[in-house]
Amino acid sequence: MFDTSGRAALINDLNAALSDFYEPEMKEIAESALGKLAFITDAEFPIIELTPEYDFEDDDGSGV
């Protein structure tokens, strides 16, 4: 959904998307990410794991 090829690209994408977030929680997450991205260097950016961890368990907890 966002360009994660580099720190600047991700910052640009997140800034552009801020006005499209209607849910306060999503806007808060994006603003938090922008704040964190401001404090790292371009050299540190590739080290960050940007793949979300999903919990695919069903309602019964079986994970199937």
Protein backbone atom coordinates (compact mmCIF):
# COMPACT_ATOMS: atom_id res chain seq x y z
CA MET A 1 0.00 0.00 0.00
CA PHE A 2 2.89 2.35 0.76
CA ASP A 3 6.23 2.67 -0.97
CA THR A 4 8.74 1.10 1.40
CA SER A 5 11.68 1.26 -0.99
CA GLY A 6 13.26 3.96 1.17
CA ARG A 7 12.66 6.14 4.19
CA ALA A 8 11.88 9.29 2.17
CA ALA A 9 9.43 7.42 -0.07
CA LEU A 10 7.56 6.03 2.93
CA ILE A 11 7.45 9.42 4.64
CA ASN A 12 6.04 10.98 1.46
CA ASP A 13 3.39 8.27 1.09
CA LEU A 14 2.32 8.48 4.72
CA ASN A 15 2.11 12.27 4.61
CA ALA A 16 0.03 12.10 1.43
CA ALA A 17 -2.34 9.55 2.98
CA LEU A 18 -2.92 11.36 6.29
CA SER A 19 -5.90 13.31 4.98
CA ASP A 20 -7.50 10.08 3.72
CA PHE A 21 -7.59 8.40 7.13
CA TYR A 22 -11.06 8.77 8.57
CA GLU A 23 -10.52 6.54 11.58
CA PRO A 24 -8.65 8.35 14.38
CA GLU A 25 -6.72 5.19 15.24
CA MET A 26 -5.32 4.86 11.72
CA LYS A 27 -4.30 8.51 11.66
CA GLU A 28 -2.62 8.09 15.05
CA ILE A 29 -0.68 5.05 13.80
CA ALA A 30 0.49 6.92 10.69
CA GLU A 31 1.54 9.96 12.73
CA SER A 32 3.42 7.72 15.16
CA ALA A 33 5.22 6.03 12.27
CA LEU A 34 6.13 9.42 10.80
CA GLY A 35 7.56 10.50 14.12
CA LYS A 36 9.67 7.37 14.36
CA LEU A 37 10.84 7.66 10.76
CA ALA A 38 12.04 11.21 11.51
CA PHE A 39 14.47 9.89 14.13
CA ILE A 40 16.16 7.17 12.10
CA THR A 41 18.68 7.49 9.31
CA ASP A 42 18.41 6.26 5.75
CA ALA A 43 21.09 3.70 6.63
CA GLU A 44 18.99 2.35 9.50
CA PHE A 45 15.77 2.15 7.48
CA PRO A 46 16.46 -1.16 5.65
CA ILE A 47 16.97 -2.91 9.00
CA ILE A 48 13.38 -2.25 10.09
CA GLU A 49 10.92 -5.13 9.65
CA LEU A 50 7.91 -3.63 7.85
CA THR A 51 5.99 -6.83 7.27
CA PRO A 52 2.91 -6.91 9.50
CA GLU A 53 2.33 -9.93 11.67
CA TYR A 54 -1.17 -11.26 11.25
CA ASP A 55 -3.02 -13.59 13.58
CA PHE A 56 -4.98 -15.90 11.31
CA GLU A 57 -6.66 -17.90 14.06
CA ASP A 58 -10.33 -18.62 13.56
CA ASP A 59 -12.90 -17.97 16.26
CA ASP A 60 -12.30 -21.48 17.59
CA GLY A 61 -8.55 -20.80 17.93
CA SER A 62 -7.58 -23.57 15.52
CA GLY A 63 -5.80 -21.31 13.05
CA VAL A 64 -7.52 -23.16 10.21
